[in-house]
Amino acid sequence: MTTASAVGETLTVLAQEIRITPTEPPGAPQLLNLVNYLSWLVMLAGIASLIYAGGKFGWERFHGGAVESPKIILGALVGGIIATGAGGIMNAVVTGGA
């Protein structure tokens, strides 16, 4: 057997379609419930940080001093975008973009 034919046979075996039938793991509803609670907590933390940053921004404008609140607002917004997009990103990764 030549090297080319051995490589050809190996590629033929590797190119065969693997059929997978996905099944739900045990405890999946409880895990989904936990993830939903965590997403609510992330949203509440983002809203609380925006309210805190808004109050701090007003305090800094009224009393002067270093202005740090825009960094907090930017961080909260970027974190919210990442947290909101995490579900879609993971769905695209798991399903292969289909």
PDB file of N, CA and C in Angstrom:
ATOM      1  N   MET A   1       0.849  -1.164   0.000  1.00  0.00           N
ATOM      2  CA  MET A   1       0.000   0.000   0.000  1.00  0.00           C
ATOM      3  C   MET A   1       0.902   1.236   0.000  1.00  0.00           C
ATOM      4  N   THR A   2       0.595   2.156  -0.874  1.00  0.00           N
ATOM      5  CA  THR A   2       1.402   3.362  -0.950  1.00  0.00           C
ATOM      6  C   THR A   2       0.937   4.364   0.096  1.00  0.00           C
ATOM      7  N   THR A   3       1.755   5.344   0.300  1.00  0.00           N
ATOM      8  CA  THR A   3       1.439   6.376   1.283  1.00  0.00           C
ATOM      9  C   THR A   3       0.210   7.172   0.853  1.00  0.00           C
ATOM     10  N   ALA A   4       0.106   7.452  -0.442  1.00  0.00           N
ATOM     11  CA  ALA A   4      -1.021   8.232  -0.939  1.00  0.00           C
ATOM     12  C   ALA A   4      -2.340   7.498  -0.728  1.00  0.00           C
ATOM     13  N   SER A   5      -2.355   6.205  -0.969  1.00  0.00           N
ATOM     14  CA  SER A   5      -3.608   5.461  -0.784  1.00  0.00           C
ATOM     15  C   SER A   5      -3.946   5.327   0.706  1.00  0.00           C
ATOM     16  N   ALA A   6      -2.928   5.193   1.554  1.00  0.00           N
ATOM     17  CA  ALA A   6      -3.176   5.125   2.998  1.00  0.00           C
ATOM     18  C   ALA A   6      -3.751   6.436   3.499  1.00  0.00           C
ATOM     19  N   VAL A   7      -3.211   7.547   3.013  1.00  0.00           N
ATOM     20  CA  VAL A   7      -3.736   8.865   3.404  1.00  0.00           C
ATOM     21  C   VAL A   7      -5.154   9.024   2.885  1.00  0.00           C
ATOM     22  N   GLY A   8      -5.412   8.578   1.667  1.00  0.00           N
ATOM     23  CA  GLY A   8      -6.754   8.664   1.087  1.00  0.00           C
ATOM     24  C   GLY A   8      -7.769   7.865   1.885  1.00  0.00           C
ATOM     25  N   GLU A   9      -7.411   6.667   2.300  1.00  0.00           N
ATOM     26  CA  GLU A   9      -8.321   5.853   3.100  1.00  0.00           C
ATOM     27  C   GLU A   9      -8.553   6.473   4.480  1.00  0.00           C
ATOM     28  N   THR A  10      -7.504   7.028   5.046  1.00  0.00           N
ATOM     29  CA  THR A  10      -7.638   7.680   6.356  1.00  0.00           C
ATOM     30  C   THR A  10      -8.559   8.886   6.258  1.00  0.00           C
ATOM     31  N   LEU A  11      -8.418   9.685   5.209  1.00  0.00           N
ATOM     32  CA  LEU A  11      -9.279  10.852   5.026  1.00  0.00           C
ATOM     33  C   LEU A  11     -10.719  10.428   4.776  1.00  0.00           C
ATOM     34  N   THR A  12     -10.914   9.310   4.075  1.00  0.00           N
ATOM     35  CA  THR A  12     -12.267   8.817   3.845  1.00  0.00           C
ATOM     36  C   THR A  12     -12.928   8.438   5.166  1.00  0.00           C
ATOM     37  N   VAL A  13     -12.182   7.794   6.037  1.00  0.00           N
ATOM     38  CA  VAL A  13     -12.728   7.422   7.344  1.00  0.00           C
ATOM     39  C   VAL A  13     -13.012   8.661   8.186  1.00  0.00           C
ATOM     40  N   LEU A  14     -12.087   9.626   8.160  1.00  0.00           N
ATOM     41  CA  LEU A  14     -12.265  10.832   8.974  1.00  0.00           C
ATOM     42  C   LEU A  14     -13.366  11.739   8.446  1.00  0.00           C
ATOM     43  N   ALA A  15     -13.669  11.660   7.150  1.00  0.00           N
ATOM     44  CA  ALA A  15     -14.673  12.543   6.548  1.00  0.00           C
ATOM     45  C   ALA A  15     -16.091  12.026   6.724  1.00  0.00           C
ATOM     46  N   GLN A  16     -16.269  10.853   7.306  1.00  0.00           N
ATOM     47  CA  GLN A  16     -17.612  10.321   7.498  1.00  0.00           C
ATOM     48  C   GLN A  16     -18.369  11.171   8.509  1.00  0.00           C
ATOM     49  N   GLU A  17     -19.643  11.331   8.252  1.00  0.00           N
ATOM     50  CA  GLU A  17     -20.478  12.161   9.120  1.00  0.00           C
ATOM     51  C   GLU A  17     -20.759  11.441  10.427  1.00  0.00           C
ATOM     52  N   ILE A  18     -20.612  12.167  11.509  1.00  0.00           N
ATOM     53  CA  ILE A  18     -20.906  11.627  12.837  1.00  0.00           C
ATOM     54  C   ILE A  18     -22.282  12.130  13.241  1.00  0.00           C
ATOM     55  N   ARG A  19     -23.186  11.221  13.469  1.00  0.00           N
ATOM     56  CA  ARG A  19     -24.547  11.608  13.850  1.00  0.00           C
ATOM     57  C   ARG A  19     -24.648  11.663  15.377  1.00  0.00           C
ATOM     58  N   ILE A  20     -25.090  12.814  15.857  1.00  0.00           N
ATOM     59  CA  ILE A  20     -25.229  13.018  17.293  1.00  0.00           C
ATOM     60  C   ILE A  20     -26.679  13.393  17.569  1.00  0.00           C
ATOM     61  N   THR A  21     -27.279  12.712  18.501  1.00  0.00           N
ATOM     62  CA  THR A  21     -28.635  13.068  18.922  1.00  0.00           C
ATOM     63  C   THR A  21     -28.541  13.700  20.306  1.00  0.00           C
ATOM     64  N   PRO A  22     -28.732  15.030  20.375  1.00  0.00           N
ATOM     65  CA  PRO A  22     -28.604  15.704  21.667  1.00  0.00           C
ATOM     66  C   PRO A  22     -29.741  15.323  22.613  1.00  0.00           C
ATOM     67  N   THR A  23     -29.394  15.120  23.855  1.00  0.00           N
ATOM     68  CA  THR A  23     -30.384  14.851  24.894  1.00  0.00           C
ATOM     69  C   THR A  23     -30.188  15.860  26.021  1.00  0.00           C
ATOM     70  N   GLU A  24     -31.276  16.142  26.685  1.00  0.00           N
ATOM     71  CA  GLU A  24     -31.233  17.108  27.777  1.00  0.00           C
ATOM     72  C   GLU A  24     -30.552  16.471  28.985  1.00  0.00           C
ATOM     73  N   PRO A  25     -29.567  17.168  29.570  1.00  0.00           N
ATOM     74  CA  PRO A  25     -28.902  16.595  30.742  1.00  0.00           C
ATOM     75  C   PRO A  25     -29.830  16.607  31.951  1.00  0.00           C
ATOM     76  N   PRO A  26     -29.553  15.750  32.918  1.00  0.00           N
ATOM     77  CA  PRO A  26     -30.395  15.754  34.127  1.00  0.00           C
ATOM     78  C   PRO A  26     -30.224  17.063  34.895  1.00  0.00           C
ATOM     79  N   GLY A  27     -31.317  17.576  35.367  1.00  0.00           N
ATOM     80  CA  GLY A  27     -31.276  18.816  36.137  1.00  0.00           C
ATOM     81  C   GLY A  27     -31.240  20.067  35.285  1.00  0.00           C
ATOM     82  N   ALA A  28     -31.529  19.952  33.993  1.00  0.00           N
ATOM     83  CA  ALA A  28     -31.462  21.114  33.103  1.00  0.00           C
ATOM     84  C   ALA A  28     -32.461  22.218  33.477  1.00  0.00           C
ATOM     85  N   PRO A  29     -33.708  21.893  33.848  1.00  0.00           N
ATOM     86  CA  PRO A  29     -34.627  22.981  34.220  1.00  0.00           C
ATOM     87  C   PRO A  29     -34.136  23.785  35.428  1.00  0.00           C
ATOM     88  N   GLN A  30     -33.553  23.125  36.412  1.00  0.00           N
ATOM     89  CA  GLN A  30     -33.042  23.840  37.579  1.00  0.00           C
ATOM     90  C   GLN A  30     -31.853  24.721  37.186  1.00  0.00           C
ATOM     91  N   LEU A  31     -31.008  24.216  36.286  1.00  0.00           N
ATOM     92  CA  LEU A  31     -29.863  25.008  35.831  1.00  0.00           C
ATOM     93  C   LEU A  31     -30.325  26.237  35.055  1.00  0.00           C
ATOM     94  N   LEU A  32     -31.333  26.064  34.208  1.00  0.00           N
ATOM     95  CA  LEU A  32     -31.881  27.210  33.477  1.00  0.00           C
ATOM     96  C   LEU A  32     -32.491  28.229  34.429  1.00  0.00           C
ATOM     97  N   ASN A  33     -33.152  27.757  35.462  1.00  0.00           N
ATOM     98  CA  ASN A  33     -33.726  28.651  36.460  1.00  0.00           C
ATOM     99  C   ASN A  33     -32.632  29.451  37.167  1.00  0.00           C
ATOM    100  N   LEU A  34     -31.536  28.786  37.513  1.00  0.00           N
ATOM    101  CA  LEU A  34     -30.408  29.461  38.154  1.00  0.00           C
ATOM    102  C   LEU A  34     -29.793  30.508  37.229  1.00  0.00           C
ATOM    103  N   VAL A  35     -29.625  30.173  35.957  1.00  0.00           N
ATOM    104  CA  VAL A  35     -29.065  31.125  34.996  1.00  0.00           C
ATOM    105  C   VAL A  35     -29.988  32.323  34.832  1.00  0.00           C
ATOM    106  N   ASN A  36     -31.301  32.091  34.822  1.00  0.00           N
ATOM    107  CA  ASN A  36     -32.243  33.214  34.729  1.00  0.00           C
ATOM    108  C   ASN A  36     -32.131  34.136  35.940  1.00  0.00           C
ATOM    109  N   TYR A  37     -32.002  33.549  37.147  1.00  0.00           N
ATOM    110  CA  TYR A  37     -31.826  34.377  38.343  1.00  0.00           C
ATOM    111  C   TYR A  37     -30.522  35.173  38.267  1.00  0.00           C
ATOM    112  N   LEU A  38     -29.462  34.539  37.797  1.00  0.00           N
ATOM    113  CA  LEU A  38     -28.183  35.244  37.684  1.00  0.00           C
ATOM    114  C   LEU A  38     -28.259  36.379  36.667  1.00  0.00           C
ATOM    115  N   SER A  39     -28.979  36.169  35.571  1.00  0.00           N
ATOM    116  CA  SER A  39     -29.107  37.254  34.594  1.00  0.00           C
ATOM    117  C   SER A  39     -29.883  38.435  35.173  1.00  0.00           C
ATOM    118  N   TRP A  40     -30.903  38.147  35.991  1.00  0.00           N
ATOM    119  CA  TRP A  40     -31.624  39.223  36.671  1.00  0.00           C
ATOM    120  C   TRP A  40     -30.698  39.985  37.627  1.00  0.00           C
ATOM    121  N   LEU A  41     -29.862  39.259  38.348  1.00  0.00           N
ATOM    122  CA  LEU A  41     -28.926  39.920  39.270  1.00  0.00           C
ATOM    123  C   LEU A  41     -27.929  40.799  38.514  1.00  0.00           C
ATOM    124  N   VAL A  42     -27.465  40.327  37.369  1.00  0.00           N
ATOM    125  CA  VAL A  42     -26.534  41.132  36.558  1.00  0.00           C
ATOM    126  C   VAL A  42     -27.219  42.404  36.082  1.00  0.00           C
ATOM    127  N   MET A  43     -28.473  42.281  35.631  1.00  0.00           N
ATOM    128  CA  MET A  43     -29.197  43.477  35.182  1.00  0.00           C
ATOM    129  C   MET A  43     -29.422  44.455  36.334  1.00  0.00           C
ATOM    130  N   LEU A  44     -29.793  43.938  37.498  1.00  0.00           N
ATOM    131  CA  LEU A  44     -29.999  44.817  38.653  1.00  0.00           C
ATOM    132  C   LEU A  44     -28.701  45.491  39.082  1.00  0.00           C
ATOM    133  N   ALA A  45     -27.581  44.762  39.021  1.00  0.00           N
ATOM    134  CA  ALA A  45     -26.293  45.360  39.370  1.00  0.00           C
ATOM    135  C   ALA A  45     -25.929  46.455  38.380  1.00  0.00           C
ATOM    136  N   GLY A  46     -26.212  46.246  37.112  1.00  0.00           N
ATOM    137  CA  GLY A  46     -25.929  47.277  36.108  1.00  0.00           C
ATOM    138  C   GLY A  46     -26.770  48.525  36.322  1.00  0.00           C
ATOM    139  N   ILE A  47     -28.044  48.328  36.627  1.00  0.00           N
ATOM    140  CA  ILE A  47     -28.927  49.473  36.878  1.00  0.00           C
ATOM    141  C   ILE A  47     -28.490  50.213  38.142  1.00  0.00           C
ATOM    142  N   ALA A  48     -28.124  49.461  39.178  1.00  0.00           N
ATOM    143  CA  ALA A  48     -27.673  50.094  40.422  1.00  0.00           C
ATOM    144  C   ALA A  48     -26.385  50.879  40.196  1.00  0.00           C
ATOM    145  N   SER A  49     -25.471  50.342  39.375  1.00  0.00           N
ATOM    146  CA  SER A  49     -24.224  51.072  39.134  1.00  0.00           C
ATOM    147  C   SER A  49     -24.478  52.333  38.316  1.00  0.00           C
ATOM    148  N   LEU A  50     -25.430  52.288  37.385  1.00  0.00           N
ATOM    149  CA  LEU A  50     -25.761  53.508  36.635  1.00  0.00           C
ATOM    150  C   LEU A  50     -26.395  54.560  37.543  1.00  0.00           C
ATOM    151  N   ILE A  51     -27.261  54.141  38.464  1.00  0.00           N
ATOM    152  CA  ILE A  51     -27.870  55.094  39.402  1.00  0.00           C
ATOM    153  C   ILE A  51     -26.801  55.684  40.315  1.00  0.00           C
ATOM    154  N   TYR A  52     -25.905  54.824  40.816  1.00  0.00           N
ATOM    155  CA  TYR A  52     -24.809  55.304  41.678  1.00  0.00           C
ATOM    156  C   TYR A  52     -23.920  56.287  40.915  1.00  0.00           C
ATOM    157  N   ALA A  53     -23.561  55.943  39.676  1.00  0.00           N
ATOM    158  CA  ALA A  53     -22.688  56.815  38.894  1.00  0.00           C
ATOM    159  C   ALA A  53     -23.378  58.144  38.583  1.00  0.00           C
ATOM    160  N   GLY A  54     -24.691  58.105  38.330  1.00  0.00           N
ATOM    161  CA  GLY A  54     -25.421  59.350  38.090  1.00  0.00           C
ATOM    162  C   GLY A  54     -25.424  60.244  39.322  1.00  0.00           C
ATOM    163  N   GLY A  55     -25.653  59.655  40.489  1.00  0.00           N
ATOM    164  CA  GLY A  55     -25.607  60.436  41.732  1.00  0.00           C
ATOM    165  C   GLY A  55     -24.219  60.979  42.009  1.00  0.00           C
ATOM    166  N   LYS A  56     -23.209  60.151  41.761  1.00  0.00           N
ATOM    167  CA  LYS A  56     -21.831  60.596  41.983  1.00  0.00           C
ATOM    168  C   LYS A  56     -21.455  61.705  41.005  1.00  0.00           C
ATOM    169  N   PHE A  57     -21.948  61.583  39.770  1.00  0.00           N
ATOM    170  CA  PHE A  57     -21.678  62.620  38.773  1.00  0.00           C
ATOM    171  C   PHE A  57     -22.257  63.956  39.224  1.00  0.00           C
ATOM    172  N   GLY A  58     -23.498  63.935  39.729  1.00  0.00           N
ATOM    173  CA  GLY A  58     -24.104  65.164  40.242  1.00  0.00           C
ATOM    174  C   GLY A  58     -23.336  65.718  41.434  1.00  0.00           C
ATOM    175  N   TRP A  59     -22.898  64.862  42.344  1.00  0.00           N
ATOM    176  CA  TRP A  59     -22.126  65.286  43.499  1.00  0.00           C
ATOM    177  C   TRP A  59     -20.805  65.927  43.072  1.00  0.00           C
ATOM    178  N   GLU A  60     -20.137  65.291  42.126  1.00  0.00           N
ATOM    179  CA  GLU A  60     -18.846  65.824  41.663  1.00  0.00           C
ATOM    180  C   GLU A  60     -19.016  67.159  40.956  1.00  0.00           C
ATOM    181  N   ARG A  61     -20.094  67.306  40.179  1.00  0.00           N
ATOM    182  CA  ARG A  61     -20.335  68.576  39.492  1.00  0.00           C
ATOM    183  C   ARG A  61     -20.675  69.685  40.492  1.00  0.00           C
ATOM    184  N   PHE A  62     -21.399  69.344  41.550  1.00  0.00           N
ATOM    185  CA  PHE A  62     -21.819  70.341  42.518  1.00  0.00           C
ATOM    186  C   PHE A  62     -20.677  70.750  43.439  1.00  0.00           C
ATOM    187  N   HIS A  63     -19.845  69.788  43.856  1.00  0.00           N
ATOM    188  CA  HIS A  63     -18.774  70.060  44.811  1.00  0.00           C
ATOM    189  C   HIS A  63     -17.401  70.198  44.176  1.00  0.00           C
ATOM    190  N   GLY A  64     -17.267  69.929  42.913  1.00  0.00           N
ATOM    191  CA  GLY A  64     -15.958  70.006  42.257  1.00  0.00           C
ATOM    192  C   GLY A  64     -15.124  68.775  42.573  1.00  0.00           C
ATOM    193  N   GLY A  65     -13.898  68.803  42.163  1.00  0.00           N
ATOM    194  CA  GLY A  65     -13.008  67.669  42.415  1.00  0.00           C
ATOM    195  C   GLY A  65     -12.851  66.807  41.172  1.00  0.00           C
ATOM    196  N   ALA A  66     -12.208  65.676  41.369  1.00  0.00           N
ATOM    197  CA  ALA A  66     -11.943  64.767  40.263  1.00  0.00           C
ATOM    198  C   ALA A  66     -13.244  64.153  39.754  1.00  0.00           C
ATOM    199  N   VAL A  67     -13.339  64.045  38.454  1.00  0.00           N
ATOM    200  CA  VAL A  67     -14.539  63.477  37.842  1.00  0.00           C
ATOM    201  C   VAL A  67     -14.244  62.023  37.488  1.00  0.00           C
ATOM    202  N   GLU A  68     -14.775  61.087  38.301  1.00  0.00           N
ATOM    203  CA  GLU A  68     -14.569  59.661  38.082  1.00  0.00           C
ATOM    204  C   GLU A  68     -15.823  58.971  37.566  1.00  0.00           C
ATOM    205  N   SER A  69     -16.964  59.618  37.683  1.00  0.00           N
ATOM    206  CA  SER A  69     -18.225  58.962  37.355  1.00  0.00           C
ATOM    207  C   SER A  69     -18.368  58.580  35.877  1.00  0.00           C
ATOM    208  N   PRO A  70     -17.817  59.323  34.907  1.00  0.00           N
ATOM    209  CA  PRO A  70     -17.941  58.839  33.522  1.00  0.00           C
ATOM    210  C   PRO A  70     -17.295  57.474  33.303  1.00  0.00           C
ATOM    211  N   LYS A  71     -16.210  57.186  34.034  1.00  0.00           N
ATOM    212  CA  LYS A  71     -15.589  55.855  33.923  1.00  0.00           C
ATOM    213  C   LYS A  71     -16.517  54.778  34.457  1.00  0.00           C
ATOM    214  N   ILE A  72     -17.229  55.087  35.539  1.00  0.00           N
ATOM    215  CA  ILE A  72     -18.166  54.119  36.104  1.00  0.00           C
ATOM    216  C   ILE A  72     -19.319  53.879  35.133  1.00  0.00           C
ATOM    217  N   ILE A  73     -19.831  54.954  34.544  1.00  0.00           N
ATOM    218  CA  ILE A  73     -20.927  54.829  33.585  1.00  0.00           C
ATOM    219  C   ILE A  73     -20.482  54.025  32.375  1.00  0.00           C
ATOM    220  N   LEU A  74     -19.295  54.306  31.849  1.00  0.00           N
ATOM    221  CA  LEU A  74     -18.786  53.571  30.698  1.00  0.00           C
ATOM    222  C   LEU A  74     -18.595  52.088  31.040  1.00  0.00           C
ATOM    223  N   GLY A  75     -18.065  51.812  32.211  1.00  0.00           N
ATOM    224  CA  GLY A  75     -17.885  50.423  32.634  1.00  0.00           C
ATOM    225  C   GLY A  75     -19.210  49.689  32.763  1.00  0.00           C
ATOM    226  N   ALA A  76     -20.214  50.376  33.309  1.00  0.00           N
ATOM    227  CA  ALA A  76     -21.533  49.753  33.453  1.00  0.00           C
ATOM    228  C   ALA A  76     -22.162  49.484  32.093  1.00  0.00           C
ATOM    229  N   LEU A  77     -22.002  50.410  31.165  1.00  0.00           N
ATOM    230  CA  LEU A  77     -22.572  50.221  29.832  1.00  0.00           C
ATOM    231  C   LEU A  77     -21.876  49.097  29.073  1.00  0.00           C
ATOM    232  N   VAL A  78     -20.553  49.051  29.132  1.00  0.00           N
ATOM    233  CA  VAL A  78     -19.816  47.974  28.455  1.00  0.00           C
ATOM    234  C   VAL A  78     -20.156  46.628  29.088  1.00  0.00           C
ATOM    235  N   GLY A  79     -20.220  46.576  30.404  1.00  0.00           N
ATOM    236  CA  GLY A  79     -20.598  45.340  31.081  1.00  0.00           C
ATOM    237  C   GLY A  79     -22.006  44.892  30.717  1.00  0.00           C
ATOM    238  N   GLY A  80     -22.913  45.842  30.592  1.00  0.00           N
ATOM    239  CA  GLY A  80     -24.282  45.510  30.192  1.00  0.00           C
ATOM    240  C   GLY A  80     -24.359  44.976  28.773  1.00  0.00           C
ATOM    241  N   ILE A  81     -23.563  45.566  27.881  1.00  0.00           N
ATOM    242  CA  ILE A  81     -23.541  45.085  26.502  1.00  0.00           C
ATOM    243  C   ILE A  81     -22.998  43.664  26.444  1.00  0.00           C
ATOM    244  N   ILE A  82     -21.935  43.400  27.182  1.00  0.00           N
ATOM    245  CA  ILE A  82     -21.354  42.048  27.199  1.00  0.00           C
ATOM    246  C   ILE A  82     -22.324  41.058  27.829  1.00  0.00           C
ATOM    247  N   ALA A  83     -22.954  41.449  28.940  1.00  0.00           N
ATOM    248  CA  ALA A  83     -23.889  40.546  29.611  1.00  0.00           C
ATOM    249  C   ALA A  83     -25.112  40.270  28.747  1.00  0.00           C
ATOM    250  N   THR A  84     -25.587  41.280  28.026  1.00  0.00           N
ATOM    251  CA  THR A  84     -26.749  41.093  27.172  1.00  0.00           C
ATOM    252  C   THR A  84     -26.411  40.235  25.965  1.00  0.00           C
ATOM    253  N   GLY A  85     -25.232  40.432  25.415  1.00  0.00           N
ATOM    254  CA  GLY A  85     -24.842  39.679  24.234  1.00  0.00           C
ATOM    255  C   GLY A  85     -24.291  38.300  24.523  1.00  0.00           C
ATOM    256  N   ALA A  86     -24.084  37.961  25.792  1.00  0.00           N
ATOM    257  CA  ALA A  86     -23.469  36.674  26.135  1.00  0.00           C
ATOM    258  C   ALA A  86     -24.324  35.496  25.669  1.00  0.00           C
ATOM    259  N   GLY A  87     -25.623  35.595  25.807  1.00  0.00           N
ATOM    260  CA  GLY A  87     -26.495  34.502  25.372  1.00  0.00           C
ATOM    261  C   GLY A  87     -26.408  34.258  23.879  1.00  0.00           C
ATOM    262  N   GLY A  88     -26.458  35.323  23.106  1.00  0.00           N
ATOM    263  CA  GLY A  88     -26.352  35.187  21.655  1.00  0.00           C
ATOM    264  C   GLY A  88     -24.994  34.686  21.211  1.00  0.00           C
ATOM    265  N   ILE A  89     -23.945  35.155  21.884  1.00  0.00           N
ATOM    266  CA  ILE A  89     -22.592  34.719  21.537  1.00  0.00           C
ATOM    267  C   ILE A  89     -22.431  33.229  21.829  1.00  0.00           C
ATOM    268  N   MET A  90     -22.884  32.785  22.997  1.00  0.00           N
ATOM    269  CA  MET A  90     -22.758  31.365  23.336  1.00  0.00           C
ATOM    270  C   MET A  90     -23.627  30.498  22.440  1.00  0.00           C
ATOM    271  N   ASN A  91     -24.809  30.992  22.055  1.00  0.00           N
ATOM    272  CA  ASN A  91     -25.659  30.236  21.148  1.00  0.00           C
ATOM    273  C   ASN A  91     -24.973  30.073  19.789  1.00  0.00           C
ATOM    274  N   ALA A  92     -24.320  31.123  19.307  1.00  0.00           N
ATOM    275  CA  ALA A  92     -23.604  31.033  18.039  1.00  0.00           C
ATOM    276  C   ALA A  92     -22.409  30.091  18.130  1.00  0.00           C
ATOM    277  N   VAL A  93     -21.732  30.096  19.266  1.00  0.00           N
ATOM    278  CA  VAL A  93     -20.584  29.202  19.443  1.00  0.00           C
ATOM    279  C   VAL A  93     -21.034  27.746  19.505  1.00  0.00           C
ATOM    280  N   VAL A  94     -22.109  27.490  20.245  1.00  0.00           N
ATOM    281  CA  VAL A  94     -22.559  26.111  20.426  1.00  0.00           C
ATOM    282  C   VAL A  94     -23.166  25.550  19.133  1.00  0.00           C
ATOM    283  N   THR A  95     -23.965  26.355  18.443  1.00  0.00           N
ATOM    284  CA  THR A  95     -24.630  25.848  17.229  1.00  0.00           C
ATOM    285  C   THR A  95     -23.789  26.023  15.988  1.00  0.00           C
ATOM    286  N   GLY A  96     -22.629  26.636  16.086  1.00  0.00           N
ATOM    287  CA  GLY A  96     -21.784  26.832  14.909  1.00  0.00           C
ATOM    288  C   GLY A  96     -22.258  27.954  14.005  1.00  0.00           C
ATOM    289  N   GLY A  97     -23.000  28.883  14.560  1.00  0.00           N
ATOM    290  CA  GLY A  97     -23.463  30.035  13.785  1.00  0.00           C
ATOM    291  C   GLY A  97     -24.691  29.755  12.945  1.00  0.00           C
ATOM    292  N   ALA A  98     -25.274  28.584  13.062  1.00  0.00           N
ATOM    293  CA  ALA A  98     -26.446  28.256  12.232  1.00  0.00           C
ATOM    294  C   ALA A  98     -27.718  28.786  12.835  1.00  0.00           C
TER     295      ALA A  98
END
